[in-house]
Amino acid sequence: MSKTILYVEDNEFNRKIVRQLLSKTSYRLTEAVDGEAGLAMALDAPPDLILMDIQLPKVSGLEATRQLRADARTAAVPIIVVTSFALSGDEDKAREAGATAYLAKPYSPRDLLAKIREILPAA
């Protein structure tokens, strides 16, 4: 059974890159275009892993991460914060919110896939 990754990202170009990257794997990708939709999707059907942008419409990625950590259904789901919002201290803020890992954009798709496989080995 393939493992599901939820990608919460408002930028279509970034979603397309990850979509293409994961299309060559056994992972199943679902997508949300804002923090509110990402929260709803994750709570409705908890994925195996979440890729979370920080700067999102409606609900920020950090707030969404906090809410996911506070809910028993998603408290243990690994969350990789993938963001261009990479200022000094932002990784600490992401980890304080509950992020499992942090990857700053621009990143190598190979690095992202390696991080995903490290946290969520393919079935």
N, C-alpha and C. Protein backbone atom coordinates (compact mmCIF):
# COMPACT_ATOMS: atom_id res chain seq x y z
N MET A 1 0.84 -1.19 0.00
CA MET A 1 0.00 0.00 0.00
C MET A 1 0.88 1.25 0.00
N SER A 2 0.62 2.15 -0.90
CA SER A 2 1.45 3.35 -0.98
C SER A 2 1.14 4.30 0.16
N LYS A 3 2.15 5.04 0.56
CA LYS A 3 2.01 5.99 1.66
C LYS A 3 1.61 7.35 1.09
N THR A 4 0.77 8.06 1.83
CA THR A 4 0.23 9.34 1.37
C THR A 4 0.99 10.51 1.96
N ILE A 5 1.32 11.46 1.08
CA ILE A 5 1.96 12.70 1.48
C ILE A 5 1.01 13.84 1.12
N LEU A 6 0.74 14.70 2.10
CA LEU A 6 -0.06 15.89 1.88
C LEU A 6 0.89 17.06 1.73
N TYR A 7 0.79 17.79 0.62
CA TYR A 7 1.63 18.97 0.38
C TYR A 7 0.75 20.20 0.50
N VAL A 8 1.03 21.04 1.50
CA VAL A 8 0.27 22.26 1.73
C VAL A 8 1.12 23.42 1.23
N GLU A 9 0.75 23.95 0.06
CA GLU A 9 1.57 24.96 -0.65
C GLU A 9 0.67 25.77 -1.55
N ASP A 10 0.76 27.10 -1.48
CA ASP A 10 -0.10 27.96 -2.30
C ASP A 10 0.48 28.24 -3.68
N ASN A 11 1.75 27.95 -3.90
CA ASN A 11 2.39 28.26 -5.18
C ASN A 11 2.29 27.05 -6.12
N GLU A 12 1.59 27.24 -7.23
CA GLU A 12 1.37 26.14 -8.19
C GLU A 12 2.68 25.61 -8.75
N PHE A 13 3.64 26.49 -9.03
CA PHE A 13 4.93 26.05 -9.57
C PHE A 13 5.62 25.10 -8.59
N ASN A 14 5.63 25.45 -7.32
CA ASN A 14 6.25 24.57 -6.31
C ASN A 14 5.51 23.24 -6.19
N ARG A 15 4.18 23.29 -6.25
CA ARG A 15 3.41 22.04 -6.20
C ARG A 15 3.73 21.17 -7.41
N LYS A 16 3.88 21.80 -8.57
CA LYS A 16 4.17 21.04 -9.80
C LYS A 16 5.52 20.32 -9.68
N ILE A 17 6.52 20.99 -9.13
CA ILE A 17 7.84 20.36 -8.96
C ILE A 17 7.73 19.12 -8.08
N VAL A 18 7.05 19.25 -6.96
CA VAL A 18 6.91 18.12 -6.03
C VAL A 18 6.04 17.03 -6.66
N ARG A 19 5.00 17.44 -7.38
CA ARG A 19 4.13 16.48 -8.06
C ARG A 19 4.96 15.63 -9.04
N GLN A 20 5.80 16.29 -9.83
CA GLN A 20 6.65 15.57 -10.79
C GLN A 20 7.66 14.68 -10.08
N LEU A 21 8.25 15.19 -9.00
CA LEU A 21 9.23 14.43 -8.24
C LEU A 21 8.62 13.14 -7.68
N LEU A 22 7.46 13.27 -7.08
CA LEU A 22 6.84 12.11 -6.44
C LEU A 22 6.13 11.18 -7.41
N SER A 23 5.87 11.65 -8.63
CA SER A 23 5.22 10.79 -9.63
C SER A 23 6.10 9.60 -10.00
N LYS A 24 7.38 9.71 -9.73
CA LYS A 24 8.32 8.64 -10.06
C LYS A 24 8.57 7.71 -8.87
N THR A 25 7.75 7.86 -7.83
CA THR A 25 7.89 7.04 -6.63
C THR A 25 6.59 6.30 -6.35
N SER A 26 6.57 5.55 -5.27
CA SER A 26 5.33 4.85 -4.88
C SER A 26 4.47 5.70 -3.96
N TYR A 27 4.94 6.88 -3.59
CA TYR A 27 4.15 7.75 -2.71
C TYR A 27 2.94 8.29 -3.46
N ARG A 28 1.84 8.48 -2.71
CA ARG A 28 0.62 9.09 -3.25
C ARG A 28 0.57 10.52 -2.73
N LEU A 29 0.40 11.49 -3.62
CA LEU A 29 0.42 12.90 -3.25
C LEU A 29 -0.98 13.49 -3.26
N THR A 30 -1.32 14.20 -2.17
CA THR A 30 -2.53 15.02 -2.15
C THR A 30 -2.06 16.45 -1.90
N GLU A 31 -2.87 17.43 -2.33
CA GLU A 31 -2.42 18.81 -2.26
C GLU A 31 -3.50 19.72 -1.68
N ALA A 32 -3.05 20.72 -0.94
CA ALA A 32 -3.92 21.78 -0.43
C ALA A 32 -3.26 23.11 -0.75
N VAL A 33 -4.08 24.11 -1.10
CA VAL A 33 -3.54 25.40 -1.55
C VAL A 33 -3.51 26.47 -0.46
N ASP A 34 -3.99 26.15 0.73
CA ASP A 34 -3.88 27.09 1.85
C ASP A 34 -3.90 26.31 3.16
N GLY A 35 -3.54 27.01 4.25
CA GLY A 35 -3.45 26.34 5.54
C GLY A 35 -4.77 25.79 6.05
N GLU A 36 -5.85 26.50 5.78
CA GLU A 36 -7.17 26.05 6.22
C GLU A 36 -7.55 24.73 5.54
N ALA A 37 -7.35 24.65 4.24
CA ALA A 37 -7.67 23.42 3.50
C ALA A 37 -6.73 22.29 3.92
N GLY A 38 -5.46 22.61 4.15
CA GLY A 38 -4.50 21.60 4.59
C GLY A 38 -4.90 20.99 5.93
N LEU A 39 -5.30 21.85 6.86
CA LEU A 39 -5.76 21.37 8.16
C LEU A 39 -6.97 20.45 8.00
N ALA A 40 -7.94 20.89 7.23
CA ALA A 40 -9.16 20.10 7.03
C ALA A 40 -8.85 18.75 6.42
N MET A 41 -8.00 18.74 5.39
CA MET A 41 -7.66 17.48 4.72
C MET A 41 -6.91 16.55 5.67
N ALA A 42 -5.95 17.09 6.42
CA ALA A 42 -5.15 16.26 7.33
C ALA A 42 -6.00 15.68 8.44
N LEU A 43 -6.92 16.46 8.98
CA LEU A 43 -7.76 15.98 10.07
C LEU A 43 -8.82 14.99 9.58
N ASP A 44 -9.28 15.17 8.35
CA ASP A 44 -10.30 14.28 7.78
C ASP A 44 -9.72 12.92 7.43
N ALA A 45 -8.54 12.91 6.85
CA ALA A 45 -7.89 11.66 6.45
C ALA A 45 -6.39 11.83 6.69
N PRO A 46 -5.91 11.57 7.91
CA PRO A 46 -4.51 11.82 8.23
C PRO A 46 -3.55 11.13 7.26
N PRO A 47 -2.66 11.92 6.65
CA PRO A 47 -1.68 11.36 5.73
C PRO A 47 -0.53 10.71 6.51
N ASP A 48 0.39 10.10 5.80
CA ASP A 48 1.56 9.49 6.45
C ASP A 48 2.65 10.53 6.71
N LEU A 49 2.62 11.63 5.93
CA LEU A 49 3.60 12.70 6.08
C LEU A 49 3.01 13.98 5.49
N ILE A 50 3.40 15.14 6.05
CA ILE A 50 2.93 16.42 5.53
C ILE A 50 4.13 17.28 5.16
N LEU A 51 4.08 17.86 3.97
CA LEU A 51 5.03 18.90 3.56
C LEU A 51 4.29 20.21 3.74
N MET A 52 4.84 21.12 4.54
CA MET A 52 4.11 22.33 4.92
C MET A 52 4.91 23.58 4.61
N ASP A 53 4.34 24.46 3.78
CA ASP A 53 4.91 25.79 3.57
C ASP A 53 4.59 26.62 4.81
N ILE A 54 5.37 27.68 5.06
CA ILE A 54 5.08 28.56 6.21
C ILE A 54 4.14 29.68 5.82
N GLN A 55 4.43 30.36 4.72
CA GLN A 55 3.61 31.50 4.31
C GLN A 55 2.46 31.02 3.45
N LEU A 56 1.31 30.88 4.09
CA LEU A 56 0.11 30.37 3.42
C LEU A 56 -1.06 31.31 3.65
N PRO A 57 -1.99 31.35 2.69
CA PRO A 57 -3.23 32.12 2.93
C PRO A 57 -4.08 31.44 4.00
N LYS A 58 -4.91 32.22 4.65
CA LYS A 58 -5.93 31.80 5.62
C LYS A 58 -5.34 31.38 6.96
N VAL A 59 -4.51 30.36 7.00
CA VAL A 59 -3.86 29.90 8.23
C VAL A 59 -2.39 29.67 7.88
N SER A 60 -1.48 30.26 8.65
CA SER A 60 -0.05 30.09 8.36
C SER A 60 0.37 28.64 8.56
N GLY A 61 1.46 28.27 7.94
CA GLY A 61 1.98 26.92 8.11
C GLY A 61 2.38 26.61 9.54
N LEU A 62 2.91 27.62 10.24
CA LEU A 62 3.28 27.41 11.64
C LEU A 62 2.05 27.17 12.50
N GLU A 63 1.00 27.96 12.28
CA GLU A 63 -0.23 27.77 13.04
C GLU A 63 -0.89 26.43 12.70
N ALA A 64 -0.88 26.07 11.42
CA ALA A 64 -1.44 24.78 11.01
C ALA A 64 -0.67 23.64 11.68
N THR A 65 0.65 23.76 11.72
CA THR A 65 1.48 22.74 12.37
C THR A 65 1.13 22.62 13.85
N ARG A 66 0.99 23.76 14.53
CA ARG A 66 0.61 23.74 15.95
C ARG A 66 -0.74 23.03 16.15
N GLN A 67 -1.70 23.35 15.30
CA GLN A 67 -3.03 22.74 15.43
C GLN A 67 -2.99 21.24 15.15
N LEU A 68 -2.20 20.84 14.16
CA LEU A 68 -2.07 19.41 13.85
C LEU A 68 -1.42 18.66 15.01
N ARG A 69 -0.44 19.26 15.64
CA ARG A 69 0.23 18.64 16.79
C ARG A 69 -0.71 18.53 17.99
N ALA A 70 -1.66 19.45 18.10
CA ALA A 70 -2.59 19.46 19.24
C ALA A 70 -3.74 18.48 19.09
N ASP A 71 -3.91 17.92 17.91
CA ASP A 71 -5.02 17.00 17.65
C ASP A 71 -4.51 15.56 17.66
N ALA A 72 -5.18 14.71 18.42
CA ALA A 72 -4.75 13.31 18.56
C ALA A 72 -4.65 12.59 17.21
N ARG A 73 -5.50 12.96 16.24
CA ARG A 73 -5.49 12.28 14.94
C ARG A 73 -4.22 12.53 14.16
N THR A 74 -3.58 13.68 14.38
CA THR A 74 -2.42 14.05 13.56
C THR A 74 -1.18 14.36 14.39
N ALA A 75 -1.25 14.17 15.69
CA ALA A 75 -0.14 14.53 16.58
C ALA A 75 1.16 13.84 16.21
N ALA A 76 1.08 12.62 15.71
CA ALA A 76 2.29 11.86 15.40
C ALA A 76 2.68 11.88 13.92
N VAL A 77 1.91 12.57 13.08
CA VAL A 77 2.22 12.61 11.64
C VAL A 77 3.47 13.49 11.44
N PRO A 78 4.51 12.95 10.78
CA PRO A 78 5.70 13.77 10.54
C PRO A 78 5.36 14.97 9.64
N ILE A 79 5.92 16.13 9.98
CA ILE A 79 5.71 17.35 9.20
C ILE A 79 7.06 17.92 8.82
N ILE A 80 7.30 18.04 7.51
CA ILE A 80 8.50 18.69 7.00
C ILE A 80 8.10 20.09 6.55
N VAL A 81 8.66 21.10 7.21
CA VAL A 81 8.42 22.47 6.79
C VAL A 81 9.35 22.75 5.62
N VAL A 82 8.76 23.13 4.49
CA VAL A 82 9.51 23.43 3.26
C VAL A 82 9.17 24.87 2.91
N THR A 83 10.14 25.77 3.08
CA THR A 83 9.79 27.18 2.94
C THR A 83 10.90 28.06 2.41
N SER A 84 10.51 29.14 1.78
CA SER A 84 11.48 30.16 1.37
C SER A 84 11.59 31.21 2.45
N PHE A 85 10.81 31.08 3.49
CA PHE A 85 10.80 32.00 4.62
C PHE A 85 11.92 31.59 5.56
N ALA A 86 13.16 31.68 5.05
CA ALA A 86 14.31 31.10 5.75
C ALA A 86 15.20 32.17 6.37
N LEU A 87 14.65 32.90 7.32
CA LEU A 87 15.42 33.89 8.04
C LEU A 87 16.02 33.25 9.29
N SER A 88 16.96 33.94 9.90
CA SER A 88 17.58 33.46 11.12
C SER A 88 16.51 33.20 12.17
N GLY A 89 16.52 32.04 12.76
CA GLY A 89 15.54 31.70 13.79
C GLY A 89 14.29 31.01 13.28
N ASP A 90 14.07 31.00 11.96
CA ASP A 90 12.84 30.40 11.44
C ASP A 90 12.80 28.89 11.62
N GLU A 91 13.96 28.25 11.51
CA GLU A 91 13.97 26.80 11.75
C GLU A 91 13.58 26.52 13.20
N ASP A 92 14.07 27.34 14.13
CA ASP A 92 13.70 27.16 15.54
C ASP A 92 12.20 27.34 15.73
N LYS A 93 11.62 28.36 15.08
CA LYS A 93 10.17 28.59 15.18
C LYS A 93 9.39 27.41 14.63
N ALA A 94 9.86 26.85 13.51
CA ALA A 94 9.18 25.70 12.91
C ALA A 94 9.24 24.49 13.84
N ARG A 95 10.39 24.27 14.44
CA ARG A 95 10.53 23.12 15.35
C ARG A 95 9.71 23.33 16.62
N GLU A 96 9.67 24.58 17.12
CA GLU A 96 8.84 24.87 18.30
C GLU A 96 7.36 24.63 18.01
N ALA A 97 6.95 24.87 16.76
CA ALA A 97 5.55 24.64 16.37
C ALA A 97 5.25 23.15 16.24
N GLY A 98 6.31 22.33 16.12
CA GLY A 98 6.11 20.89 16.03
C GLY A 98 6.63 20.23 14.78
N ALA A 99 7.37 20.99 13.95
CA ALA A 99 7.91 20.40 12.71
C ALA A 99 8.91 19.30 13.03
N THR A 100 8.85 18.24 12.25
CA THR A 100 9.78 17.13 12.37
C THR A 100 11.11 17.49 11.73
N ALA A 101 11.03 18.21 10.61
CA ALA A 101 12.22 18.59 9.84
C ALA A 101 11.95 19.92 9.14
N TYR A 102 13.02 20.52 8.64
CA TYR A 102 12.94 21.86 8.03
C TYR A 102 13.84 21.86 6.80
N LEU A 103 13.30 22.34 5.68
CA LEU A 103 14.08 22.42 4.45
C LEU A 103 13.82 23.77 3.80
N ALA A 104 14.88 24.57 3.63
CA ALA A 104 14.74 25.91 3.05
C ALA A 104 14.76 25.85 1.52
N LYS A 105 13.91 26.68 0.89
CA LYS A 105 13.92 26.83 -0.56
C LYS A 105 14.95 27.90 -0.92
N PRO A 106 15.60 27.84 -2.05
CA PRO A 106 15.47 26.74 -3.00
C PRO A 106 16.22 25.51 -2.49
N TYR A 107 15.65 24.37 -2.76
CA TYR A 107 16.26 23.12 -2.35
C TYR A 107 16.40 22.24 -3.59
N SER A 108 17.26 21.28 -3.48
CA SER A 108 17.40 20.30 -4.55
C SER A 108 16.25 19.30 -4.41
N PRO A 109 15.53 19.01 -5.49
CA PRO A 109 14.49 17.98 -5.39
C PRO A 109 15.05 16.67 -4.84
N ARG A 110 16.29 16.37 -5.18
CA ARG A 110 16.94 15.15 -4.67
C ARG A 110 17.05 15.21 -3.14
N ASP A 111 17.38 16.40 -2.60
CA ASP A 111 17.47 16.55 -1.14
C ASP A 111 16.10 16.37 -0.48
N LEU A 112 15.06 16.93 -1.11
CA LEU A 112 13.72 16.78 -0.57
C LEU A 112 13.31 15.31 -0.56
N LEU A 113 13.54 14.61 -1.66
CA LEU A 113 13.17 13.19 -1.73
C LEU A 113 13.96 12.38 -0.70
N ALA A 114 15.23 12.70 -0.51
CA ALA A 114 16.05 12.00 0.49
C ALA A 114 15.48 12.21 1.89
N LYS A 115 15.05 13.45 2.19
CA LYS A 115 14.47 13.77 3.50
C LYS A 115 13.15 13.01 3.69
N ILE A 116 12.32 12.99 2.63
CA ILE A 116 11.05 12.25 2.71
C ILE A 116 11.33 10.77 2.98
N ARG A 117 12.26 10.19 2.24
CA ARG A 117 12.56 8.76 2.40
C ARG A 117 13.18 8.45 3.75
N GLU A 118 13.94 9.41 4.30
CA GLU A 118 14.53 9.23 5.63
C GLU A 118 13.43 9.15 6.69
N ILE A 119 12.44 10.01 6.57
CA ILE A 119 11.36 10.08 7.56
C ILE A 119 10.27 9.05 7.29
N LEU A 120 10.00 8.82 6.01
CA LEU A 120 8.89 7.93 5.61
C LEU A 120 9.38 6.96 4.52
N PRO A 121 10.06 5.89 4.94
CA PRO A 121 10.53 4.93 3.93
C PRO A 121 9.36 4.41 3.08
N ALA A 122 9.61 4.25 1.80
CA ALA A 122 8.58 3.75 0.89
C ALA A 122 8.19 2.33 1.29
N ALA A 123 6.95 1.98 0.99
CA ALA A 123 6.43 0.65 1.35
C ALA A 123 7.16 -0.44 0.59
